[in-house]
Amino acid sequence: MVLNVSAAAIGVSAAAEFGISTQMGAITAVATEALIGVMPMGADLDSVQFAAVLNAVGASYIGIAIEHLTNRGLFAEAQSLAAATYVATDVVNNTALSL
């Protein structure tokens, strides 16, 4: 089976994933205070509970965002490894063919 793989294209894709992950991480970090820093509008129980719910939802979002960013980073690392593996395999195969 012959595979025609462009290691350069895979490397570009990995770099794009790293860039997107970095940008999303920065945006999430900036939004963290707004997502989990909600203060009650008043001293009544409803306001306190509503603020607590908003803070919990914000914390949940941040957890999911971190998980997503981690997965994107792992995917980018896997792509980088795949590109390096294809290049190394081509070197080994071309050396073997030249003998």
PDB file of N, CA and C in Angstrom:
ATOM      1  N   MET A   1       0.846  -1.175   0.000  1.00  0.00           N
ATOM      2  CA  MET A   1       0.000   0.000   0.000  1.00  0.00           C
ATOM      3  C   MET A   1       0.893   1.239   0.000  1.00  0.00           C
ATOM      4  N   VAL A   2       0.609   2.154  -0.878  1.00  0.00           N
ATOM      5  CA  VAL A   2       1.407   3.370  -1.008  1.00  0.00           C
ATOM      6  C   VAL A   2       0.638   4.537  -0.389  1.00  0.00           C
ATOM      7  N   LEU A   3       1.327   5.231   0.488  1.00  0.00           N
ATOM      8  CA  LEU A   3       0.736   6.423   1.087  1.00  0.00           C
ATOM      9  C   LEU A   3       1.461   7.649   0.560  1.00  0.00           C
ATOM     10  N   ASN A   4       0.719   8.613   0.096  1.00  0.00           N
ATOM     11  CA  ASN A   4       1.305   9.869  -0.341  1.00  0.00           C
ATOM     12  C   ASN A   4       0.932  10.922   0.694  1.00  0.00           C
ATOM     13  N   VAL A   5       1.853  11.180   1.593  1.00  0.00           N
ATOM     14  CA  VAL A   5       1.587  12.082   2.714  1.00  0.00           C
ATOM     15  C   VAL A   5       2.489  13.294   2.597  1.00  0.00           C
ATOM     16  N   SER A   6       1.924  14.449   2.786  1.00  0.00           N
ATOM     17  CA  SER A   6       2.702  15.680   2.791  1.00  0.00           C
ATOM     18  C   SER A   6       2.994  16.059   4.240  1.00  0.00           C
ATOM     19  N   ALA A   7       4.220  15.798   4.670  1.00  0.00           N
ATOM     20  CA  ALA A   7       4.613  16.122   6.044  1.00  0.00           C
ATOM     21  C   ALA A   7       4.519  17.624   6.292  1.00  0.00           C
ATOM     22  N   ALA A   8       4.796  18.405   5.270  1.00  0.00           N
ATOM     23  CA  ALA A   8       4.709  19.860   5.420  1.00  0.00           C
ATOM     24  C   ALA A   8       3.265  20.296   5.690  1.00  0.00           C
ATOM     25  N   ALA A   9       2.326  19.700   4.984  1.00  0.00           N
ATOM     26  CA  ALA A   9       0.915  20.042   5.195  1.00  0.00           C
ATOM     27  C   ALA A   9       0.458  19.632   6.587  1.00  0.00           C
ATOM     28  N   ILE A  10       0.923  18.484   7.039  1.00  0.00           N
ATOM     29  CA  ILE A  10       0.567  18.047   8.393  1.00  0.00           C
ATOM     30  C   ILE A  10       1.178  18.996   9.421  1.00  0.00           C
ATOM     31  N   GLY A  11       2.410  19.439   9.160  1.00  0.00           N
ATOM     32  CA  GLY A  11       3.058  20.399  10.059  1.00  0.00           C
ATOM     33  C   GLY A  11       2.322  21.720  10.117  1.00  0.00           C
ATOM     34  N   VAL A  12       1.832  22.179   8.968  1.00  0.00           N
ATOM     35  CA  VAL A  12       1.043  23.424   8.938  1.00  0.00           C
ATOM     36  C   VAL A  12      -0.247  23.255   9.732  1.00  0.00           C
ATOM     37  N   SER A  13      -0.883  22.111   9.572  1.00  0.00           N
ATOM     38  CA  SER A  13      -2.110  21.837  10.325  1.00  0.00           C
ATOM     39  C   SER A  13      -1.836  21.809  11.825  1.00  0.00           C
ATOM     40  N   ALA A  14      -0.735  21.185  12.224  1.00  0.00           N
ATOM     41  CA  ALA A  14      -0.369  21.131  13.642  1.00  0.00           C
ATOM     42  C   ALA A  14      -0.112  22.529  14.181  1.00  0.00           C
ATOM     43  N   ALA A  15       0.582  23.347  13.409  1.00  0.00           N
ATOM     44  CA  ALA A  15       0.849  24.723  13.835  1.00  0.00           C
ATOM     45  C   ALA A  15      -0.446  25.514  13.977  1.00  0.00           C
ATOM     46  N   ALA A  16      -1.371  25.295  13.059  1.00  0.00           N
ATOM     47  CA  ALA A  16      -2.672  25.984  13.147  1.00  0.00           C
ATOM     48  C   ALA A  16      -3.422  25.553  14.400  1.00  0.00           C
ATOM     49  N   GLU A  17      -3.389  24.264  14.712  1.00  0.00           N
ATOM     50  CA  GLU A  17      -4.051  23.771  15.927  1.00  0.00           C
ATOM     51  C   GLU A  17      -3.428  24.380  17.178  1.00  0.00           C
ATOM     52  N   PHE A  18      -2.095  24.447  17.217  1.00  0.00           N
ATOM     53  CA  PHE A  18      -1.427  25.076  18.352  1.00  0.00           C
ATOM     54  C   PHE A  18      -1.833  26.542  18.473  1.00  0.00           C
ATOM     55  N   GLY A  19      -1.893  27.237  17.332  1.00  0.00           N
ATOM     56  CA  GLY A  19      -2.276  28.655  17.337  1.00  0.00           C
ATOM     57  C   GLY A  19      -3.693  28.870  17.835  1.00  0.00           C
ATOM     58  N   ILE A  20      -4.612  28.052  17.339  1.00  0.00           N
ATOM     59  CA  ILE A  20      -6.006  28.156  17.770  1.00  0.00           C
ATOM     60  C   ILE A  20      -6.129  27.851  19.250  1.00  0.00           C
ATOM     61  N   SER A  21      -5.434  26.830  19.701  1.00  0.00           N
ATOM     62  CA  SER A  21      -5.473  26.447  21.116  1.00  0.00           C
ATOM     63  C   SER A  21      -4.931  27.568  21.995  1.00  0.00           C
ATOM     64  N   THR A  22      -3.835  28.174  21.583  1.00  0.00           N
ATOM     65  CA  THR A  22      -3.248  29.278  22.346  1.00  0.00           C
ATOM     66  C   THR A  22      -4.202  30.464  22.412  1.00  0.00           C
ATOM     67  N   GLN A  23      -4.801  30.797  21.282  1.00  0.00           N
ATOM     68  CA  GLN A  23      -5.731  31.925  21.233  1.00  0.00           C
ATOM     69  C   GLN A  23      -6.960  31.663  22.098  1.00  0.00           C
ATOM     70  N   MET A  24      -7.517  30.463  22.000  1.00  0.00           N
ATOM     71  CA  MET A  24      -8.690  30.136  22.818  1.00  0.00           C
ATOM     72  C   MET A  24      -8.343  30.131  24.301  1.00  0.00           C
ATOM     73  N   GLY A  25      -7.143  29.673  24.645  1.00  0.00           N
ATOM     74  CA  GLY A  25      -6.709  29.687  26.035  1.00  0.00           C
ATOM     75  C   GLY A  25      -6.607  31.106  26.573  1.00  0.00           C
ATOM     76  N   ALA A  26      -6.083  32.004  25.762  1.00  0.00           N
ATOM     77  CA  ALA A  26      -5.966  33.405  26.183  1.00  0.00           C
ATOM     78  C   ALA A  26      -7.344  34.042  26.365  1.00  0.00           C
ATOM     79  N   ILE A  27      -8.250  33.753  25.453  1.00  0.00           N
ATOM     80  CA  ILE A  27      -9.604  34.310  25.548  1.00  0.00           C
ATOM     81  C   ILE A  27     -10.312  33.774  26.788  1.00  0.00           C
ATOM     82  N   THR A  28     -10.160  32.487  27.053  1.00  0.00           N
ATOM     83  CA  THR A  28     -10.780  31.885  28.230  1.00  0.00           C
ATOM     84  C   THR A  28     -10.195  32.482  29.510  1.00  0.00           C
ATOM     85  N   ALA A  29      -8.884  32.706  29.518  1.00  0.00           N
ATOM     86  CA  ALA A  29      -8.250  33.293  30.697  1.00  0.00           C
ATOM     87  C   ALA A  29      -8.771  34.705  30.964  1.00  0.00           C
ATOM     88  N   VAL A  30      -8.959  35.476  29.904  1.00  0.00           N
ATOM     89  CA  VAL A  30      -9.473  36.839  30.061  1.00  0.00           C
ATOM     90  C   VAL A  30     -10.922  36.822  30.557  1.00  0.00           C
ATOM     91  N   ALA A  31     -11.701  35.857  30.069  1.00  0.00           N
ATOM     92  CA  ALA A  31     -13.125  35.791  30.425  1.00  0.00           C
ATOM     93  C   ALA A  31     -13.379  35.136  31.776  1.00  0.00           C
ATOM     94  N   THR A  32     -12.362  34.549  32.374  1.00  0.00           N
ATOM     95  CA  THR A  32     -12.554  33.806  33.617  1.00  0.00           C
ATOM     96  C   THR A  32     -13.187  34.658  34.710  1.00  0.00           C
ATOM     97  N   GLU A  33     -12.697  35.858  34.895  1.00  0.00           N
ATOM     98  CA  GLU A  33     -13.231  36.704  35.961  1.00  0.00           C
ATOM     99  C   GLU A  33     -14.711  36.996  35.754  1.00  0.00           C
ATOM    100  N   ALA A  34     -15.093  37.256  34.524  1.00  0.00           N
ATOM    101  CA  ALA A  34     -16.504  37.537  34.248  1.00  0.00           C
ATOM    102  C   ALA A  34     -17.368  36.295  34.420  1.00  0.00           C
ATOM    103  N   LEU A  35     -16.789  35.118  34.145  1.00  0.00           N
ATOM    104  CA  LEU A  35     -17.571  33.889  34.216  1.00  0.00           C
ATOM    105  C   LEU A  35     -17.766  33.371  35.636  1.00  0.00           C
ATOM    106  N   ILE A  36     -16.801  33.626  36.512  1.00  0.00           N
ATOM    107  CA  ILE A  36     -16.923  33.088  37.876  1.00  0.00           C
ATOM    108  C   ILE A  36     -16.875  34.177  38.952  1.00  0.00           C
ATOM    109  N   GLY A  37     -16.937  35.421  38.536  1.00  0.00           N
ATOM    110  CA  GLY A  37     -16.895  36.518  39.502  1.00  0.00           C
ATOM    111  C   GLY A  37     -18.215  37.255  39.628  1.00  0.00           C
ATOM    112  N   VAL A  38     -19.315  36.560  39.386  1.00  0.00           N
ATOM    113  CA  VAL A  38     -20.636  37.198  39.445  1.00  0.00           C
ATOM    114  C   VAL A  38     -20.992  37.497  40.897  1.00  0.00           C
ATOM    115  N   MET A  39     -21.388  38.723  41.133  1.00  0.00           N
ATOM    116  CA  MET A  39     -21.794  39.152  42.467  1.00  0.00           C
ATOM    117  C   MET A  39     -23.323  39.249  42.510  1.00  0.00           C
ATOM    118  N   PRO A  40     -23.917  38.978  43.656  1.00  0.00           N
ATOM    119  CA  PRO A  40     -25.378  39.108  43.769  1.00  0.00           C
ATOM    120  C   PRO A  40     -25.818  40.553  43.527  1.00  0.00           C
ATOM    121  N   MET A  41     -26.973  40.703  42.895  1.00  0.00           N
ATOM    122  CA  MET A  41     -27.496  42.049  42.628  1.00  0.00           C
ATOM    123  C   MET A  41     -28.048  42.696  43.895  1.00  0.00           C
ATOM    124  N   GLY A  42     -28.435  41.868  44.843  1.00  0.00           N
ATOM    125  CA  GLY A  42     -28.987  42.384  46.095  1.00  0.00           C
ATOM    126  C   GLY A  42     -28.644  41.448  47.235  1.00  0.00           C
ATOM    127  N   ALA A  43     -29.140  41.797  48.410  1.00  0.00           N
ATOM    128  CA  ALA A  43     -28.845  41.006  49.597  1.00  0.00           C
ATOM    129  C   ALA A  43     -29.878  39.902  49.832  1.00  0.00           C
ATOM    130  N   ASP A  44     -30.878  39.825  48.947  1.00  0.00           N
ATOM    131  CA  ASP A  44     -31.925  38.815  49.132  1.00  0.00           C
ATOM    132  C   ASP A  44     -31.425  37.434  48.708  1.00  0.00           C
ATOM    133  N   LEU A  45     -32.102  36.411  49.182  1.00  0.00           N
ATOM    134  CA  LEU A  45     -31.705  35.030  48.933  1.00  0.00           C
ATOM    135  C   LEU A  45     -31.730  34.675  47.445  1.00  0.00           C
ATOM    136  N   ASP A  46     -32.727  35.182  46.715  1.00  0.00           N
ATOM    137  CA  ASP A  46     -32.811  34.887  45.279  1.00  0.00           C
ATOM    138  C   ASP A  46     -31.586  35.408  44.532  1.00  0.00           C
ATOM    139  N   SER A  47     -31.172  36.618  44.837  1.00  0.00           N
ATOM    140  CA  SER A  47     -29.995  37.197  44.177  1.00  0.00           C
ATOM    141  C   SER A  47     -28.736  36.404  44.493  1.00  0.00           C
ATOM    142  N   VAL A  48     -28.600  35.987  45.743  1.00  0.00           N
ATOM    143  CA  VAL A  48     -27.433  35.214  46.154  1.00  0.00           C
ATOM    144  C   VAL A  48     -27.414  33.864  45.443  1.00  0.00           C
ATOM    145  N   GLN A  49     -28.554  33.197  45.393  1.00  0.00           N
ATOM    146  CA  GLN A  49     -28.616  31.894  44.736  1.00  0.00           C
ATOM    147  C   GLN A  49     -28.408  32.014  43.227  1.00  0.00           C
ATOM    148  N   PHE A  50     -28.972  33.055  42.621  1.00  0.00           N
ATOM    149  CA  PHE A  50     -28.804  33.252  41.179  1.00  0.00           C
ATOM    150  C   PHE A  50     -27.334  33.503  40.848  1.00  0.00           C
ATOM    151  N   ALA A  51     -26.662  34.308  41.656  1.00  0.00           N
ATOM    152  CA  ALA A  51     -25.228  34.556  41.436  1.00  0.00           C
ATOM    153  C   ALA A  51     -24.434  33.263  41.594  1.00  0.00           C
ATOM    154  N   ALA A  52     -24.804  32.453  42.578  1.00  0.00           N
ATOM    155  CA  ALA A  52     -24.109  31.179  42.784  1.00  0.00           C
ATOM    156  C   ALA A  52     -24.289  30.256  41.578  1.00  0.00           C
ATOM    157  N   VAL A  53     -25.492  30.229  41.023  1.00  0.00           N
ATOM    158  CA  VAL A  53     -25.750  29.393  39.846  1.00  0.00           C
ATOM    159  C   VAL A  53     -24.942  29.901  38.651  1.00  0.00           C
ATOM    160  N   LEU A  54     -24.905  31.203  38.449  1.00  0.00           N
ATOM    161  CA  LEU A  54     -24.130  31.756  37.339  1.00  0.00           C
ATOM    162  C   LEU A  54     -22.640  31.433  37.492  1.00  0.00           C
ATOM    163  N   ASN A  55     -22.128  31.537  38.711  1.00  0.00           N
ATOM    164  CA  ASN A  55     -20.727  31.200  38.958  1.00  0.00           C
ATOM    165  C   ASN A  55     -20.461  29.718  38.688  1.00  0.00           C
ATOM    166  N   ALA A  56     -21.395  28.857  39.073  1.00  0.00           N
ATOM    167  CA  ALA A  56     -21.239  27.416  38.834  1.00  0.00           C
ATOM    168  C   ALA A  56     -21.250  27.105  37.346  1.00  0.00           C
ATOM    169  N   VAL A  57     -22.142  27.743  36.617  1.00  0.00           N
ATOM    170  CA  VAL A  57     -22.198  27.535  35.164  1.00  0.00           C
ATOM    171  C   VAL A  57     -20.909  28.047  34.517  1.00  0.00           C
ATOM    172  N   GLY A  58     -20.426  29.188  34.968  1.00  0.00           N
ATOM    173  CA  GLY A  58     -19.164  29.728  34.450  1.00  0.00           C
ATOM    174  C   GLY A  58     -18.004  28.784  34.719  1.00  0.00           C
ATOM    175  N   ALA A  59     -17.948  28.234  35.924  1.00  0.00           N
ATOM    176  CA  ALA A  59     -16.882  27.286  36.264  1.00  0.00           C
ATOM    177  C   ALA A  59     -16.982  26.025  35.415  1.00  0.00           C
ATOM    178  N   SER A  60     -18.196  25.579  35.159  1.00  0.00           N
ATOM    179  CA  SER A  60     -18.398  24.407  34.313  1.00  0.00           C
ATOM    180  C   SER A  60     -17.899  24.690  32.896  1.00  0.00           C
ATOM    181  N   TYR A  61     -18.228  25.868  32.375  1.00  0.00           N
ATOM    182  CA  TYR A  61     -17.762  26.248  31.041  1.00  0.00           C
ATOM    183  C   TYR A  61     -16.243  26.270  30.983  1.00  0.00           C
ATOM    184  N   ILE A  62     -15.612  26.844  31.985  1.00  0.00           N
ATOM    185  CA  ILE A  62     -14.154  26.921  32.002  1.00  0.00           C
ATOM    186  C   ILE A  62     -13.548  25.519  32.015  1.00  0.00           C
ATOM    187  N   GLY A  63     -14.134  24.611  32.790  1.00  0.00           N
ATOM    188  CA  GLY A  63     -13.651  23.235  32.817  1.00  0.00           C
ATOM    189  C   GLY A  63     -13.750  22.567  31.457  1.00  0.00           C
ATOM    190  N   ILE A  64     -14.869  22.775  30.788  1.00  0.00           N
ATOM    191  CA  ILE A  64     -15.058  22.188  29.454  1.00  0.00           C
ATOM    192  C   ILE A  64     -14.100  22.824  28.452  1.00  0.00           C
ATOM    193  N   ALA A  65     -13.909  24.135  28.553  1.00  0.00           N
ATOM    194  CA  ALA A  65     -12.987  24.824  27.645  1.00  0.00           C
ATOM    195  C   ALA A  65     -11.565  24.313  27.835  1.00  0.00           C
ATOM    196  N   ILE A  66     -11.149  24.113  29.075  1.00  0.00           N
ATOM    197  CA  ILE A  66      -9.803  23.596  29.345  1.00  0.00           C
ATOM    198  C   ILE A  66      -9.650  22.184  28.779  1.00  0.00           C
ATOM    199  N   GLU A  67     -10.675  21.367  28.943  1.00  0.00           N
ATOM    200  CA  GLU A  67     -10.629  20.014  28.380  1.00  0.00           C
ATOM    201  C   GLU A  67     -10.502  20.069  26.855  1.00  0.00           C
ATOM    202  N   HIS A  68     -11.263  20.963  26.236  1.00  0.00           N
ATOM    203  CA  HIS A  68     -11.215  21.110  24.780  1.00  0.00           C
ATOM    204  C   HIS A  68      -9.827  21.576  24.333  1.00  0.00           C
ATOM    205  N   LEU A  69      -9.275  22.557  25.041  1.00  0.00           N
ATOM    206  CA  LEU A  69      -7.951  23.065  24.684  1.00  0.00           C
ATOM    207  C   LEU A  69      -6.882  21.984  24.855  1.00  0.00           C
ATOM    208  N   THR A  70      -7.006  21.196  25.897  1.00  0.00           N
ATOM    209  CA  THR A  70      -6.067  20.096  26.109  1.00  0.00           C
ATOM    210  C   THR A  70      -6.141  19.098  24.963  1.00  0.00           C
ATOM    211  N   ASN A  71      -7.344  18.764  24.549  1.00  0.00           N
ATOM    212  CA  ASN A  71      -7.512  17.820  23.435  1.00  0.00           C
ATOM    213  C   ASN A  71      -6.944  18.373  22.134  1.00  0.00           C
ATOM    214  N   ARG A  72      -7.155  19.656  21.886  1.00  0.00           N
ATOM    215  CA  ARG A  72      -6.595  20.279  20.675  1.00  0.00           C
ATOM    216  C   ARG A  72      -5.075  20.226  20.717  1.00  0.00           C
ATOM    217  N   GLY A  73      -4.507  20.496  21.894  1.00  0.00           N
ATOM    218  CA  GLY A  73      -3.053  20.447  22.038  1.00  0.00           C
ATOM    219  C   GLY A  73      -2.512  19.046  21.804  1.00  0.00           C
ATOM    220  N   LEU A  74      -3.198  18.052  22.345  1.00  0.00           N
ATOM    221  CA  LEU A  74      -2.770  16.668  22.133  1.00  0.00           C
ATOM    222  C   LEU A  74      -2.882  16.274  20.663  1.00  0.00           C
ATOM    223  N   PHE A  75      -3.932  16.744  20.000  1.00  0.00           N
ATOM    224  CA  PHE A  75      -4.099  16.460  18.579  1.00  0.00           C
ATOM    225  C   PHE A  75      -2.965  17.084  17.774  1.00  0.00           C
ATOM    226  N   ALA A  76      -2.610  18.329  18.105  1.00  0.00           N
ATOM    227  CA  ALA A  76      -1.516  18.999  17.402  1.00  0.00           C
ATOM    228  C   ALA A  76      -0.197  18.264  17.623  1.00  0.00           C
ATOM    229  N   GLU A  77       0.035  17.800  18.843  1.00  0.00           N
ATOM    230  CA  GLU A  77       1.251  17.031  19.119  1.00  0.00           C
ATOM    231  C   GLU A  77       1.268  15.725  18.317  1.00  0.00           C
ATOM    232  N   ALA A  78       0.121  15.072  18.221  1.00  0.00           N
ATOM    233  CA  ALA A  78       0.037  13.835  17.442  1.00  0.00           C
ATOM    234  C   ALA A  78       0.313  14.110  15.966  1.00  0.00           C
ATOM    235  N   GLN A  79      -0.193  15.223  15.464  1.00  0.00           N
ATOM    236  CA  GLN A  79       0.078  15.578  14.072  1.00  0.00           C
ATOM    237  C   GLN A  79       1.570  15.829  13.856  1.00  0.00           C
ATOM    238  N   SER A  80       2.194  16.531  14.788  1.00  0.00           N
ATOM    239  CA  SER A  80       3.633  16.799  14.669  1.00  0.00           C
ATOM    240  C   SER A  80       4.425  15.498  14.673  1.00  0.00           C
ATOM    241  N   LEU A  81       4.059  14.593  15.550  1.00  0.00           N
ATOM    242  CA  LEU A  81       4.724  13.294  15.607  1.00  0.00           C
ATOM    243  C   LEU A  81       4.507  12.519  14.312  1.00  0.00           C
ATOM    244  N   ALA A  82       3.308  12.561  13.782  1.00  0.00           N
ATOM    245  CA  ALA A  82       3.013  11.865  12.522  1.00  0.00           C
ATOM    246  C   ALA A  82       3.854  12.430  11.384  1.00  0.00           C
ATOM    247  N   ALA A  83       3.973  13.744  11.310  1.00  0.00           N
ATOM    248  CA  ALA A  83       4.780  14.362  10.251  1.00  0.00           C
ATOM    249  C   ALA A  83       6.236  13.926  10.367  1.00  0.00           C
ATOM    250  N   ALA A  84       6.767  13.948  11.587  1.00  0.00           N
ATOM    251  CA  ALA A  84       8.157  13.530  11.795  1.00  0.00           C
ATOM    252  C   ALA A  84       8.341  12.051  11.456  1.00  0.00           C
ATOM    253  N   THR A  85       7.361  11.243  11.784  1.00  0.00           N
ATOM    254  CA  THR A  85       7.436   9.804  11.491  1.00  0.00           C
ATOM    255  C   THR A  85       7.435   9.556   9.990  1.00  0.00           C
ATOM    256  N   TYR A  86       6.578  10.276   9.249  1.00  0.00           N
ATOM    257  CA  TYR A  86       6.553  10.109   7.797  1.00  0.00           C
ATOM    258  C   TYR A  86       7.887  10.525   7.179  1.00  0.00           C
ATOM    259  N   VAL A  87       8.460  11.627   7.659  1.00  0.00           N
ATOM    260  CA  VAL A  87       9.750  12.080   7.127  1.00  0.00           C
ATOM    261  C   VAL A  87      10.825  11.041   7.418  1.00  0.00           C
ATOM    262  N   ALA A  88      10.876  10.547   8.649  1.00  0.00           N
ATOM    263  CA  ALA A  88      11.886   9.542   9.011  1.00  0.00           C
ATOM    264  C   ALA A  88      11.701   8.262   8.209  1.00  0.00           C
ATOM    265  N   THR A  89      10.467   7.854   8.021  1.00  0.00           N
ATOM    266  CA  THR A  89      10.190   6.635   7.243  1.00  0.00           C
ATOM    267  C   THR A  89      10.637   6.813   5.792  1.00  0.00           C
ATOM    268  N   ASP A  90      10.381   7.981   5.227  1.00  0.00           N
ATOM    269  CA  ASP A  90      10.810   8.233   3.857  1.00  0.00           C
ATOM    270  C   ASP A  90      12.337   8.197   3.732  1.00  0.00           C
ATOM    271  N   VAL A  91      13.029   8.759   4.728  1.00  0.00           N
ATOM    272  CA  VAL A  91      14.490   8.730   4.711  1.00  0.00           C
ATOM    273  C   VAL A  91      14.997   7.298   4.755  1.00  0.00           C
ATOM    274  N   VAL A  92      14.429   6.503   5.650  1.00  0.00           N
ATOM    275  CA  VAL A  92      14.849   5.116   5.771  1.00  0.00           C
ATOM    276  C   VAL A  92      14.545   4.343   4.483  1.00  0.00           C
ATOM    277  N   ASN A  93      13.371   4.524   3.947  1.00  0.00           N
ATOM    278  CA  ASN A  93      12.994   3.813   2.706  1.00  0.00           C
ATOM    279  C   ASN A  93      13.865   4.244   1.529  1.00  0.00           C
ATOM    280  N   ASN A  94      14.118   5.545   1.393  1.00  0.00           N
ATOM    281  CA  ASN A  94      14.939   6.030   0.271  1.00  0.00           C
ATOM    282  C   ASN A  94      16.382   5.543   0.425  1.00  0.00           C
ATOM    283  N   THR A  95      16.880   5.462   1.652  1.00  0.00           N
ATOM    284  CA  THR A  95      18.224   4.942   1.872  1.00  0.00           C
ATOM    285  C   THR A  95      18.280   3.473   1.492  1.00  0.00           C
ATOM    286  N   ALA A  96      17.263   2.725   1.892  1.00  0.00           N
ATOM    287  CA  ALA A  96      17.215   1.289   1.570  1.00  0.00           C
ATOM    288  C   ALA A  96      17.138   1.072   0.053  1.00  0.00           C
ATOM    289  N   LEU A  97      16.392   1.920  -0.634  1.00  0.00           N
ATOM    290  CA  LEU A  97      16.257   1.778  -2.081  1.00  0.00           C
ATOM    291  C   LEU A  97      17.548   2.117  -2.818  1.00  0.00           C
ATOM    292  N   SER A  98      18.356   3.006  -2.231  1.00  0.00           N
ATOM    293  CA  SER A  98      19.584   3.421  -2.908  1.00  0.00           C
ATOM    294  C   SER A  98      20.704   2.413  -2.747  1.00  0.00           C
ATOM    295  N   LEU A  99      20.522   1.453  -1.860  1.00  0.00           N
ATOM    296  CA  LEU A  99      21.580   0.443  -1.658  1.00  0.00           C
ATOM    297  C   LEU A  99      21.589  -0.597  -2.722  1.00  0.00           C
TER     298      LEU A  99
END
